[in-house]
Amino acid sequence: MEEKKDRFRERKPLFALALSLLLTGLGQIYNGKPRKGILFFVASLILPFLFLQLSVVGPDPTLIGFLVLSLVSDLGIFVWAARDAWKQAKRMEKNYKLRVYNRLYVYILLVIVLNLFAFGPILNWQKASSLALPYQMPTESMAPTVLRGDWIMADKRIDHASKNLGLKRGELVVFKYPRDKKLNFIKRIIGLPGDKIELRGMELYVNGIKWTVQGVPQLEGRGDENIKNGTIAFYEKGDSGTYRVFYLQGATRNDLSVSVPEGCCFVLGDNRDISADSRHWGFVPLIDIVSKPRLVYFSINPEGGVRWGRIGKLL
C-alpha cells in the first residue's frame, strides 16, 4: 500500500499579513504557530476589555487614562500580530510542511466563527462587564448634555447598600425602560422617593425649591454646536451641580405636579420638549437603574464627521 506523501508549500508573507488583518492571530496559524495565534487572539480580547473595566475606578483623570490604554492596547496587539505574522512568514523555509489546519476553508471558518464569538451574539459583553459599559446615544432627547451620536462610558457600580442607591438629584443615569426592560434609556434624575416635582411652564421646582436658576445667554457667533436655532436654554441647579436644558420656542406644554413613590425615581430628558420621560411613561423603579454615565469617549455627527471636541468630555 502506497504511503501518503507529505505536502510542502511556501509561506507567503503578504497572505500571512492579510489573514492577520482579518482576524488577530490567524497569520500565526497560517505559519504553523497555533499556540502563538491563540495567545494573540485572546490578548486582543482580554487586555482592552480589562482596561475598559478599570476606567471607571478612581477619579476622572484615571477614567481618561484607562480608556486611552484600552484603545492603545487594542490597536497595538492588532499591529504587533500582523507584523509578527508577516516577518515570521519571511523567515520560514520554502518547504514548509502543511498541517491539517492549513486549508483555505479552515481560515474562512475561523474568521466567521471567532468574529461571531467576539462581536456577535455568542459572547455577551454587557453581562461580562462588571464595572464599565459603553452606550451609544440614538436621539437628541438629552441634548445639550449628551448629543445624538455620542458614545459614552458608564459606571455600573451602584451602591445598593445606601439609601436610594446613593443616587443624587440631578445626576445622569442609565436604566431599563419601564415599558420594555430589554431597552436602556439615559435620562437625568429629578426626584427621589418622597420628593414633590412641579413643572410650571419652563420652570422646575423640587420640594418647593426652584431649580431653574437663569437663562443661558445666546450670543451671536458664539459657535456653540449644542445650542440650536429655535431653542431656549436654561440653567438648572441640582444636588450634583448645574447643567443646561432646552425648550422649543413656541411649544405648548402642560404644568405638572407629582409626588415620587417609595422605591422609584422621576427622570427627565434635558431636551424637555422632545424627550419621552417620566412625564409620559411614569416613574422608574430604583432597582432598574443599571449605571451612571461618566464620559463621552467618541462622538459621530449624524450629518457626517467626527465631533473631535466632544471626545473626553466629562458628564
C-alpha atoms as a PDB file:
ATOM      1  CA  MET A   1       0.000   0.000   0.000  1.00  0.00           C
ATOM      2  CA  GLU A   2       1.427   3.374  -1.034  1.00  0.00           C
ATOM      3  CA  GLU A   3       2.103   5.792   1.834  1.00  0.00           C
ATOM      4  CA  LYS A   4       0.539   9.222   1.746  1.00  0.00           C
ATOM      5  CA  LYS A   5       3.194  11.796   0.889  1.00  0.00           C
ATOM      6  CA  ASP A   6       3.652  14.951   2.956  1.00  0.00           C
ATOM      7  CA  ARG A   7       2.723  18.192   1.218  1.00  0.00           C
ATOM      8  CA  PHE A   8       5.052  21.195   1.311  1.00  0.00           C
ATOM      9  CA  ARG A   9       4.239  24.765   0.449  1.00  0.00           C
ATOM     10  CA  GLU A  10       5.968  28.125   0.627  1.00  0.00           C
ATOM     11  CA  ARG A  11       4.630  30.611   3.216  1.00  0.00           C
ATOM     12  CA  LYS A  12       3.649  33.923   1.605  1.00  0.00           C
ATOM     13  CA  PRO A  13       4.282  36.989   3.840  1.00  0.00           C
ATOM     14  CA  LEU A  14       1.548  39.118   2.268  1.00  0.00           C
ATOM     15  CA  PHE A  15      -1.020  36.363   2.670  1.00  0.00           C
ATOM     16  CA  ALA A  16       0.009  35.897   6.317  1.00  0.00           C
ATOM     17  CA  LEU A  17      -0.398  39.664   6.813  1.00  0.00           C
ATOM     18  CA  ALA A  18      -3.837  39.669   5.149  1.00  0.00           C
ATOM     19  CA  LEU A  19      -5.062  36.797   7.329  1.00  0.00           C
ATOM     20  CA  SER A  20      -3.845  38.589  10.456  1.00  0.00           C
ATOM     21  CA  LEU A  21      -5.713  41.734   9.421  1.00  0.00           C
ATOM     22  CA  LEU A  22      -8.900  39.678   9.007  1.00  0.00           C
ATOM     23  CA  LEU A  23      -8.506  38.017  12.421  1.00  0.00           C
ATOM     24  CA  THR A  24      -5.825  38.684  15.029  1.00  0.00           C
ATOM     25  CA  GLY A  25      -3.664  35.557  15.364  1.00  0.00           C
ATOM     26  CA  LEU A  26      -4.756  33.903  12.116  1.00  0.00           C
ATOM     27  CA  GLY A  27      -1.486  34.782  10.409  1.00  0.00           C
ATOM     28  CA  GLN A  28       0.381  32.815  13.072  1.00  0.00           C
ATOM     29  CA  ILE A  29      -1.870  29.798  12.494  1.00  0.00           C
ATOM     30  CA  TYR A  30      -1.133  30.041   8.757  1.00  0.00           C
ATOM     31  CA  ASN A  31       2.584  29.966   9.664  1.00  0.00           C
ATOM     32  CA  GLY A  32       2.179  26.803  11.753  1.00  0.00           C
ATOM     33  CA  LYS A  33       2.204  28.546  15.161  1.00  0.00           C
ATOM     34  CA  PRO A  34      -1.330  27.931  16.501  1.00  0.00           C
ATOM     35  CA  ARG A  35      -0.447  28.497  20.173  1.00  0.00           C
ATOM     36  CA  LYS A  36       1.022  31.896  19.369  1.00  0.00           C
ATOM     37  CA  GLY A  37      -2.029  32.744  17.267  1.00  0.00           C
ATOM     38  CA  ILE A  38      -4.405  31.790  20.084  1.00  0.00           C
ATOM     39  CA  LEU A  39      -2.359  33.906  22.508  1.00  0.00           C
ATOM     40  CA  PHE A  40      -2.615  36.961  20.246  1.00  0.00           C
ATOM     41  CA  PHE A  41      -6.364  36.445  19.768  1.00  0.00           C
ATOM     42  CA  VAL A  42      -7.102  36.046  23.490  1.00  0.00           C
ATOM     43  CA  ALA A  43      -4.895  39.028  24.392  1.00  0.00           C
ATOM     44  CA  SER A  44      -6.713  41.187  21.827  1.00  0.00           C
ATOM     45  CA  LEU A  45      -9.970  40.483  23.676  1.00  0.00           C
ATOM     46  CA  ILE A  46      -8.880  40.488  27.317  1.00  0.00           C
ATOM     47  CA  LEU A  47      -6.424  43.411  27.613  1.00  0.00           C
ATOM     48  CA  PRO A  48      -8.605  46.159  26.047  1.00  0.00           C
ATOM     49  CA  PHE A  49     -11.638  44.823  27.960  1.00  0.00           C
ATOM     50  CA  LEU A  50      -9.686  44.827  31.248  1.00  0.00           C
ATOM     51  CA  PHE A  51      -8.501  48.432  30.787  1.00  0.00           C
ATOM     52  CA  LEU A  52     -12.058  49.404  29.845  1.00  0.00           C
ATOM     53  CA  GLN A  53     -13.391  47.932  33.086  1.00  0.00           C
ATOM     54  CA  LEU A  54     -10.714  49.669  35.164  1.00  0.00           C
ATOM     55  CA  SER A  55     -11.508  53.034  33.548  1.00  0.00           C
ATOM     56  CA  VAL A  56     -14.332  53.833  35.989  1.00  0.00           C
ATOM     57  CA  VAL A  57     -12.277  53.015  39.091  1.00  0.00           C
ATOM     58  CA  GLY A  58     -10.812  56.189  40.520  1.00  0.00           C
ATOM     59  CA  PRO A  59     -11.012  59.909  39.713  1.00  0.00           C
ATOM     60  CA  ASP A  60     -11.830  61.440  36.317  1.00  0.00           C
ATOM     61  CA  PRO A  61      -8.197  61.643  35.036  1.00  0.00           C
ATOM     62  CA  THR A  62      -7.905  57.881  35.662  1.00  0.00           C
ATOM     63  CA  LEU A  63     -11.017  57.324  33.551  1.00  0.00           C
ATOM     64  CA  ILE A  64      -9.474  59.034  30.536  1.00  0.00           C
ATOM     65  CA  GLY A  65      -6.110  57.310  31.066  1.00  0.00           C
ATOM     66  CA  PHE A  66      -7.517  53.784  31.139  1.00  0.00           C
ATOM     67  CA  LEU A  67      -9.721  54.473  28.099  1.00  0.00           C
ATOM     68  CA  VAL A  68      -6.583  55.528  26.212  1.00  0.00           C
ATOM     69  CA  LEU A  69      -4.802  52.368  27.414  1.00  0.00           C
ATOM     70  CA  SER A  70      -7.724  50.252  26.180  1.00  0.00           C
ATOM     71  CA  LEU A  71      -7.532  51.822  22.727  1.00  0.00           C
ATOM     72  CA  VAL A  72      -3.721  51.657  22.553  1.00  0.00           C
ATOM     73  CA  SER A  73      -3.608  48.008  23.677  1.00  0.00           C
ATOM     74  CA  ASP A  74      -6.270  47.020  21.145  1.00  0.00           C
ATOM     75  CA  LEU A  75      -4.501  48.751  18.267  1.00  0.00           C
ATOM     76  CA  GLY A  76      -1.048  47.696  19.497  1.00  0.00           C
ATOM     77  CA  ILE A  77      -1.871  43.971  19.658  1.00  0.00           C
ATOM     78  CA  PHE A  78      -3.528  44.169  16.236  1.00  0.00           C
ATOM     79  CA  VAL A  79      -0.440  45.767  14.635  1.00  0.00           C
ATOM     80  CA  TRP A  80       2.010  43.568  16.570  1.00  0.00           C
ATOM     81  CA  ALA A  81       0.251  40.347  15.478  1.00  0.00           C
ATOM     82  CA  ALA A  82       0.106  41.449  11.829  1.00  0.00           C
ATOM     83  CA  ARG A  83       3.780  42.479  11.770  1.00  0.00           C
ATOM     84  CA  ASP A  84       4.839  39.262  13.538  1.00  0.00           C
ATOM     85  CA  ALA A  85       2.921  37.100  11.036  1.00  0.00           C
ATOM     86  CA  TRP A  86       4.497  38.919   8.076  1.00  0.00           C
ATOM     87  CA  LYS A  87       8.074  38.711   9.459  1.00  0.00           C
ATOM     88  CA  GLN A  88       7.644  35.069  10.516  1.00  0.00           C
ATOM     89  CA  ALA A  89       6.485  34.064   7.027  1.00  0.00           C
ATOM     90  CA  LYS A  90       9.527  35.790   5.514  1.00  0.00           C
ATOM     91  CA  ARG A  91      11.899  33.867   7.804  1.00  0.00           C
ATOM     92  CA  MET A  92      10.387  30.442   7.169  1.00  0.00           C
ATOM     93  CA  GLU A  93      11.834  27.927   4.755  1.00  0.00           C
ATOM     94  CA  LYS A  94      10.137  27.427   1.418  1.00  0.00           C
ATOM     95  CA  ASN A  95       9.493  23.754   2.106  1.00  0.00           C
ATOM     96  CA  TYR A  96       7.042  24.347   4.956  1.00  0.00           C
ATOM     97  CA  LYS A  97       5.207  21.129   5.802  1.00  0.00           C
ATOM     98  CA  LEU A  98       1.461  21.735   5.648  1.00  0.00           C
ATOM     99  CA  ARG A  99      -0.543  20.966   8.792  1.00  0.00           C
ATOM    100  CA  VAL A 100      -4.062  19.628   8.846  1.00  0.00           C
ATOM    101  CA  TYR A 101      -5.429  23.140   9.566  1.00  0.00           C
ATOM    102  CA  ASN A 102      -3.570  24.792   6.654  1.00  0.00           C
ATOM    103  CA  ARG A 103      -6.628  24.868   4.434  1.00  0.00           C
ATOM    104  CA  LEU A 104      -8.452  27.878   2.982  1.00  0.00           C
ATOM    105  CA  TYR A 105     -11.821  26.679   4.267  1.00  0.00           C
ATOM    106  CA  VAL A 106     -10.355  26.425   7.792  1.00  0.00           C
ATOM    107  CA  TYR A 107      -9.192  30.059   7.648  1.00  0.00           C
ATOM    108  CA  ILE A 108     -12.606  31.197   6.410  1.00  0.00           C
ATOM    109  CA  LEU A 109     -14.367  29.189   9.108  1.00  0.00           C
ATOM    110  CA  LEU A 110     -12.128  30.626  11.847  1.00  0.00           C
ATOM    111  CA  VAL A 111     -12.747  34.203  10.650  1.00  0.00           C
ATOM    112  CA  ILE A 112     -16.529  33.708  10.717  1.00  0.00           C
ATOM    113  CA  VAL A 113     -16.813  31.740  13.966  1.00  0.00           C
ATOM    114  CA  LEU A 114     -14.323  33.719  16.072  1.00  0.00           C
ATOM    115  CA  ASN A 115     -15.626  37.098  14.903  1.00  0.00           C
ATOM    116  CA  LEU A 116     -19.149  35.953  15.752  1.00  0.00           C
ATOM    117  CA  PHE A 117     -17.850  34.818  19.140  1.00  0.00           C
ATOM    118  CA  ALA A 118     -16.111  38.119  19.890  1.00  0.00           C
ATOM    119  CA  PHE A 119     -18.526  40.634  18.361  1.00  0.00           C
ATOM    120  CA  GLY A 120     -21.753  38.742  17.710  1.00  0.00           C
ATOM    121  CA  PRO A 121     -24.490  37.234  19.877  1.00  0.00           C
ATOM    122  CA  ILE A 122     -22.366  34.414  21.295  1.00  0.00           C
ATOM    123  CA  LEU A 123     -20.324  36.444  23.810  1.00  0.00           C
ATOM    124  CA  ASN A 124     -22.472  38.924  25.796  1.00  0.00           C
ATOM    125  CA  TRP A 125     -20.063  41.707  26.750  1.00  0.00           C
ATOM    126  CA  GLN A 126     -22.764  43.526  28.752  1.00  0.00           C
ATOM    127  CA  LYS A 127     -23.206  40.561  31.076  1.00  0.00           C
ATOM    128  CA  ALA A 128     -19.454  40.025  31.262  1.00  0.00           C
ATOM    129  CA  SER A 129     -18.884  43.680  32.228  1.00  0.00           C
ATOM    130  CA  SER A 130     -18.942  44.212  35.980  1.00  0.00           C
ATOM    131  CA  LEU A 131     -17.600  47.789  36.194  1.00  0.00           C
ATOM    132  CA  ALA A 132     -17.948  49.760  32.940  1.00  0.00           C
ATOM    133  CA  LEU A 133     -20.171  49.669  29.879  1.00  0.00           C
ATOM    134  CA  PRO A 134     -20.268  51.744  26.668  1.00  0.00           C
ATOM    135  CA  TYR A 135     -23.527  53.128  25.301  1.00  0.00           C
ATOM    136  CA  GLN A 136     -24.463  54.991  22.139  1.00  0.00           C
ATOM    137  CA  MET A 137     -26.941  57.878  22.259  1.00  0.00           C
ATOM    138  CA  PRO A 138     -29.502  57.357  19.457  1.00  0.00           C
ATOM    139  CA  THR A 139     -31.655  60.500  19.930  1.00  0.00           C
ATOM    140  CA  GLU A 140     -31.483  64.224  20.779  1.00  0.00           C
ATOM    141  CA  SER A 141     -33.560  63.809  23.956  1.00  0.00           C
ATOM    142  CA  MET A 142     -30.570  64.534  26.231  1.00  0.00           C
ATOM    143  CA  ALA A 143     -29.134  67.496  24.313  1.00  0.00           C
ATOM    144  CA  PRO A 144     -27.254  69.665  25.094  1.00  0.00           C
ATOM    145  CA  THR A 145     -25.532  67.342  27.626  1.00  0.00           C
ATOM    146  CA  VAL A 146     -25.450  64.136  25.576  1.00  0.00           C
ATOM    147  CA  LEU A 147     -25.840  64.512  21.817  1.00  0.00           C
ATOM    148  CA  ARG A 148     -27.125  62.076  19.250  1.00  0.00           C
ATOM    149  CA  GLY A 149     -24.123  60.084  18.037  1.00  0.00           C
ATOM    150  CA  ASP A 150     -22.223  60.339  21.345  1.00  0.00           C
ATOM    151  CA  TRP A 151     -20.585  57.168  22.652  1.00  0.00           C
ATOM    152  CA  ILE A 152     -20.449  57.315  26.431  1.00  0.00           C
ATOM    153  CA  MET A 153     -18.747  55.260  29.123  1.00  0.00           C
ATOM    154  CA  ALA A 154     -20.961  54.416  32.105  1.00  0.00           C
ATOM    155  CA  ASP A 155     -20.096  53.197  35.595  1.00  0.00           C
ATOM    156  CA  LYS A 156     -22.028  50.058  36.609  1.00  0.00           C
ATOM    157  CA  ARG A 157     -21.082  50.354  40.274  1.00  0.00           C
ATOM    158  CA  ILE A 158     -24.349  51.119  42.075  1.00  0.00           C
ATOM    159  CA  ASP A 159     -24.283  51.360  45.885  1.00  0.00           C
ATOM    160  CA  HIS A 160     -27.163  49.031  46.759  1.00  0.00           C
ATOM    161  CA  ALA A 161     -26.375  49.303  50.483  1.00  0.00           C
ATOM    162  CA  SER A 162     -27.015  53.063  50.618  1.00  0.00           C
ATOM    163  CA  LYS A 163     -30.327  54.879  50.803  1.00  0.00           C
ATOM    164  CA  ASN A 164     -31.771  55.402  47.321  1.00  0.00           C
ATOM    165  CA  LEU A 165     -28.726  53.506  45.947  1.00  0.00           C
ATOM    166  CA  GLY A 166     -26.560  56.530  46.752  1.00  0.00           C
ATOM    167  CA  LEU A 167     -28.096  58.442  43.827  1.00  0.00           C
ATOM    168  CA  LYS A 168     -28.272  62.237  43.726  1.00  0.00           C
ATOM    169  CA  ARG A 169     -30.885  64.522  42.244  1.00  0.00           C
ATOM    170  CA  GLY A 170     -29.600  65.985  39.004  1.00  0.00           C
ATOM    171  CA  GLU A 171     -27.194  63.199  38.010  1.00  0.00           C
ATOM    172  CA  LEU A 172     -27.397  61.157  34.810  1.00  0.00           C
ATOM    173  CA  VAL A 173     -28.403  57.502  34.917  1.00  0.00           C
ATOM    174  CA  VAL A 174     -28.860  54.592  32.520  1.00  0.00           C
ATOM    175  CA  PHE A 175     -31.916  52.497  33.350  1.00  0.00           C
ATOM    176  CA  LYS A 176     -34.217  49.824  31.957  1.00  0.00           C
ATOM    177  CA  TYR A 177     -37.080  51.366  30.011  1.00  0.00           C
ATOM    178  CA  PRO A 178     -40.242  50.686  32.097  1.00  0.00           C
ATOM    179  CA  ARG A 179     -42.260  49.572  29.062  1.00  0.00           C
ATOM    180  CA  ASP A 180     -39.570  47.281  27.649  1.00  0.00           C
ATOM    181  CA  LYS A 181     -36.887  46.111  30.102  1.00  0.00           C
ATOM    182  CA  LYS A 182     -34.679  44.958  27.226  1.00  0.00           C
ATOM    183  CA  LEU A 183     -34.016  48.599  26.272  1.00  0.00           C
ATOM    184  CA  ASN A 184     -31.760  51.015  28.142  1.00  0.00           C
ATOM    185  CA  PHE A 185     -32.546  54.749  28.365  1.00  0.00           C
ATOM    186  CA  ILE A 186     -30.370  57.672  29.500  1.00  0.00           C
ATOM    187  CA  LYS A 187     -32.061  60.456  31.480  1.00  0.00           C
ATOM    188  CA  ARG A 188     -31.468  62.771  34.438  1.00  0.00           C
ATOM    189  CA  ILE A 189     -32.784  62.042  37.933  1.00  0.00           C
ATOM    190  CA  ILE A 190     -35.007  64.897  39.099  1.00  0.00           C
ATOM    191  CA  GLY A 191     -36.823  63.349  42.041  1.00  0.00           C
ATOM    192  CA  LEU A 192     -36.156  60.587  44.565  1.00  0.00           C
ATOM    193  CA  PRO A 193     -38.662  58.768  46.826  1.00  0.00           C
ATOM    194  CA  GLY A 194     -40.858  61.243  48.735  1.00  0.00           C
ATOM    195  CA  ASP A 195     -39.974  64.267  46.556  1.00  0.00           C
ATOM    196  CA  LYS A 196     -42.591  66.575  45.115  1.00  0.00           C
ATOM    197  CA  ILE A 197     -41.896  67.583  41.495  1.00  0.00           C
ATOM    198  CA  GLU A 198     -43.523  70.585  39.838  1.00  0.00           C
ATOM    199  CA  LEU A 199     -43.182  71.840  36.281  1.00  0.00           C
ATOM    200  CA  ARG A 200     -44.651  75.292  35.662  1.00  0.00           C
ATOM    201  CA  GLY A 201     -44.098  76.180  32.042  1.00  0.00           C
ATOM    202  CA  MET A 202     -40.314  76.145  31.634  1.00  0.00           C
ATOM    203  CA  GLU A 203     -39.596  76.312  35.373  1.00  0.00           C
ATOM    204  CA  LEU A 204     -38.770  73.254  37.508  1.00  0.00           C
ATOM    205  CA  TYR A 205     -39.404  73.002  41.263  1.00  0.00           C
ATOM    206  CA  VAL A 206     -38.269  70.165  43.517  1.00  0.00           C
ATOM    207  CA  ASN A 207     -39.755  70.128  47.026  1.00  0.00           C
ATOM    208  CA  GLY A 208     -40.761  73.747  46.571  1.00  0.00           C
ATOM    209  CA  ILE A 209     -37.237  74.865  45.581  1.00  0.00           C
ATOM    210  CA  LYS A 210     -36.839  76.430  42.156  1.00  0.00           C
ATOM    211  CA  TRP A 211     -34.171  74.586  40.158  1.00  0.00           C
ATOM    212  CA  THR A 212     -34.364  76.844  37.096  1.00  0.00           C
ATOM    213  CA  VAL A 213     -31.825  79.494  38.044  1.00  0.00           C
ATOM    214  CA  GLN A 214     -31.286  81.599  34.883  1.00  0.00           C
ATOM    215  CA  GLY A 215     -31.413  81.645  31.105  1.00  0.00           C
ATOM    216  CA  VAL A 216     -28.353  80.817  29.029  1.00  0.00           C
ATOM    217  CA  PRO A 217     -27.180  83.890  27.067  1.00  0.00           C
ATOM    218  CA  GLN A 218     -27.362  83.042  23.367  1.00  0.00           C
ATOM    219  CA  LEU A 219     -24.784  85.371  21.867  1.00  0.00           C
ATOM    220  CA  GLU A 220     -24.404  85.707  18.112  1.00  0.00           C
ATOM    221  CA  GLY A 221     -21.375  83.915  16.762  1.00  0.00           C
ATOM    222  CA  ARG A 222     -20.640  82.019  19.982  1.00  0.00           C
ATOM    223  CA  GLY A 223     -20.228  78.860  17.840  1.00  0.00           C
ATOM    224  CA  ASP A 224     -21.774  76.532  20.410  1.00  0.00           C
ATOM    225  CA  GLU A 225     -22.916  73.457  18.455  1.00  0.00           C
ATOM    226  CA  ASN A 226     -25.072  72.366  21.407  1.00  0.00           C
ATOM    227  CA  ILE A 227     -27.387  75.383  21.185  1.00  0.00           C
ATOM    228  CA  LYS A 228     -29.531  75.123  18.082  1.00  0.00           C
ATOM    229  CA  ASN A 229     -31.868  77.577  16.396  1.00  0.00           C
ATOM    230  CA  GLY A 230     -35.423  77.602  17.695  1.00  0.00           C
ATOM    231  CA  THR A 231     -34.485  76.594  21.247  1.00  0.00           C
ATOM    232  CA  ILE A 232     -34.442  78.377  24.590  1.00  0.00           C
ATOM    233  CA  ALA A 233     -31.732  77.255  27.009  1.00  0.00           C
ATOM    234  CA  PHE A 234     -31.855  77.444  30.809  1.00  0.00           C
ATOM    235  CA  TYR A 235     -29.568  76.513  33.658  1.00  0.00           C
ATOM    236  CA  GLU A 236     -30.912  74.193  36.350  1.00  0.00           C
ATOM    237  CA  LYS A 237     -29.192  73.554  39.659  1.00  0.00           C
ATOM    238  CA  GLY A 238     -29.496  70.116  41.247  1.00  0.00           C
ATOM    239  CA  ASP A 239     -27.730  68.315  44.088  1.00  0.00           C
ATOM    240  CA  SER A 240     -24.938  67.180  41.744  1.00  0.00           C
ATOM    241  CA  GLY A 241     -24.286  70.565  40.102  1.00  0.00           C
ATOM    242  CA  THR A 242     -25.568  72.923  37.420  1.00  0.00           C
ATOM    243  CA  TYR A 243     -26.499  71.789  33.919  1.00  0.00           C
ATOM    244  CA  ARG A 244     -28.292  73.160  30.836  1.00  0.00           C
ATOM    245  CA  VAL A 245     -31.707  72.222  29.450  1.00  0.00           C
ATOM    246  CA  PHE A 246     -33.509  73.035  26.194  1.00  0.00           C
ATOM    247  CA  TYR A 247     -37.070  74.088  25.423  1.00  0.00           C
ATOM    248  CA  LEU A 248     -38.567  74.672  21.984  1.00  0.00           C
ATOM    249  CA  GLN A 249     -39.666  78.209  21.212  1.00  0.00           C
ATOM    250  CA  GLY A 250     -43.439  78.471  20.886  1.00  0.00           C
ATOM    251  CA  ALA A 251     -44.147  74.918  22.085  1.00  0.00           C
ATOM    252  CA  THR A 252     -47.219  74.298  24.232  1.00  0.00           C
ATOM    253  CA  ARG A 253     -46.647  72.392  27.462  1.00  0.00           C
ATOM    254  CA  ASN A 254     -48.745  71.286  30.406  1.00  0.00           C
ATOM    255  CA  ASP A 255     -47.951  72.030  34.042  1.00  0.00           C
ATOM    256  CA  LEU A 256     -47.233  69.008  36.206  1.00  0.00           C
ATOM    257  CA  SER A 257     -47.249  68.240  39.927  1.00  0.00           C
ATOM    258  CA  VAL A 258     -46.393  64.737  41.183  1.00  0.00           C
ATOM    259  CA  SER A 259     -45.005  63.038  44.276  1.00  0.00           C
ATOM    260  CA  VAL A 260     -42.419  60.294  43.807  1.00  0.00           C
ATOM    261  CA  PRO A 261     -43.482  56.969  45.395  1.00  0.00           C
ATOM    262  CA  GLU A 262     -41.221  54.793  47.511  1.00  0.00           C
ATOM    263  CA  GLY A 263     -38.665  52.731  45.603  1.00  0.00           C
ATOM    264  CA  CYS A 264     -38.872  54.912  42.468  1.00  0.00           C
ATOM    265  CA  CYS A 265     -37.385  57.999  40.878  1.00  0.00           C
ATOM    266  CA  PHE A 266     -38.622  60.684  38.483  1.00  0.00           C
ATOM    267  CA  VAL A 267     -36.467  61.307  35.399  1.00  0.00           C
ATOM    268  CA  LEU A 268     -36.449  63.945  32.662  1.00  0.00           C
ATOM    269  CA  GLY A 269     -34.526  64.454  29.456  1.00  0.00           C
ATOM    270  CA  ASP A 270     -32.535  67.684  29.124  1.00  0.00           C
ATOM    271  CA  ASN A 271     -34.185  68.438  25.758  1.00  0.00           C
ATOM    272  CA  ARG A 272     -37.522  68.851  27.503  1.00  0.00           C
ATOM    273  CA  ASP A 273     -39.970  69.321  24.653  1.00  0.00           C
ATOM    274  CA  ILE A 274     -38.799  66.317  22.590  1.00  0.00           C
ATOM    275  CA  SER A 275     -37.910  63.902  25.392  1.00  0.00           C
ATOM    276  CA  ALA A 276     -40.093  60.928  26.325  1.00  0.00           C
ATOM    277  CA  ASP A 277     -39.563  60.502  30.065  1.00  0.00           C
ATOM    278  CA  SER A 278     -41.402  60.188  33.408  1.00  0.00           C
ATOM    279  CA  ARG A 279     -43.965  62.730  32.225  1.00  0.00           C
ATOM    280  CA  HIS A 280     -45.105  60.207  29.628  1.00  0.00           C
ATOM    281  CA  TRP A 281     -44.492  56.700  30.989  1.00  0.00           C
ATOM    282  CA  GLY A 282     -44.245  57.230  34.740  1.00  0.00           C
ATOM    283  CA  PHE A 283     -41.680  56.592  37.433  1.00  0.00           C
ATOM    284  CA  VAL A 284     -38.560  54.418  37.155  1.00  0.00           C
ATOM    285  CA  PRO A 285     -38.014  51.711  39.821  1.00  0.00           C
ATOM    286  CA  LEU A 286     -34.668  52.245  41.523  1.00  0.00           C
ATOM    287  CA  ILE A 287     -33.840  48.574  41.013  1.00  0.00           C
ATOM    288  CA  ASP A 288     -33.908  49.192  37.238  1.00  0.00           C
ATOM    289  CA  ILE A 289     -31.026  51.702  37.344  1.00  0.00           C
ATOM    290  CA  VAL A 290     -28.021  49.933  35.821  1.00  0.00           C
ATOM    291  CA  SER A 291     -25.241  52.530  35.504  1.00  0.00           C
ATOM    292  CA  LYS A 292     -24.159  56.184  35.662  1.00  0.00           C
ATOM    293  CA  PRO A 293     -22.654  57.918  32.583  1.00  0.00           C
ATOM    294  CA  ARG A 294     -19.164  59.292  33.173  1.00  0.00           C
ATOM    295  CA  LEU A 295     -17.601  60.416  29.897  1.00  0.00           C
ATOM    296  CA  VAL A 296     -18.023  60.870  26.139  1.00  0.00           C
ATOM    297  CA  TYR A 297     -15.249  58.761  24.623  1.00  0.00           C
ATOM    298  CA  PHE A 298     -16.260  59.185  20.972  1.00  0.00           C
ATOM    299  CA  SER A 299     -18.803  61.216  19.037  1.00  0.00           C
ATOM    300  CA  ILE A 300     -20.065  60.998  15.452  1.00  0.00           C
ATOM    301  CA  ASN A 301     -22.133  63.784  13.940  1.00  0.00           C
ATOM    302  CA  PRO A 302     -25.223  62.212  12.275  1.00  0.00           C
ATOM    303  CA  GLU A 303     -24.738  64.674   9.426  1.00  0.00           C
ATOM    304  CA  GLY A 304     -21.202  63.381   8.879  1.00  0.00           C
ATOM    305  CA  GLY A 305     -17.790  63.636  10.507  1.00  0.00           C
ATOM    306  CA  VAL A 306     -16.340  63.171  13.985  1.00  0.00           C
ATOM    307  CA  ARG A 307     -17.006  65.661  16.773  1.00  0.00           C
ATOM    308  CA  TRP A 308     -13.405  65.790  17.965  1.00  0.00           C
ATOM    309  CA  GLY A 309     -14.160  68.497  20.517  1.00  0.00           C
ATOM    310  CA  ARG A 310     -16.543  66.233  22.439  1.00  0.00           C
ATOM    311  CA  ILE A 311     -14.109  63.350  22.896  1.00  0.00           C
ATOM    312  CA  GLY A 312     -13.079  63.223  26.562  1.00  0.00           C
ATOM    313  CA  LYS A 313     -15.985  65.395  27.772  1.00  0.00           C
ATOM    314  CA  LEU A 314     -16.874  64.518  31.374  1.00  0.00           C
ATOM    315  CA  LEU A 315     -20.557  64.113  32.215  1.00  0.00           C
END
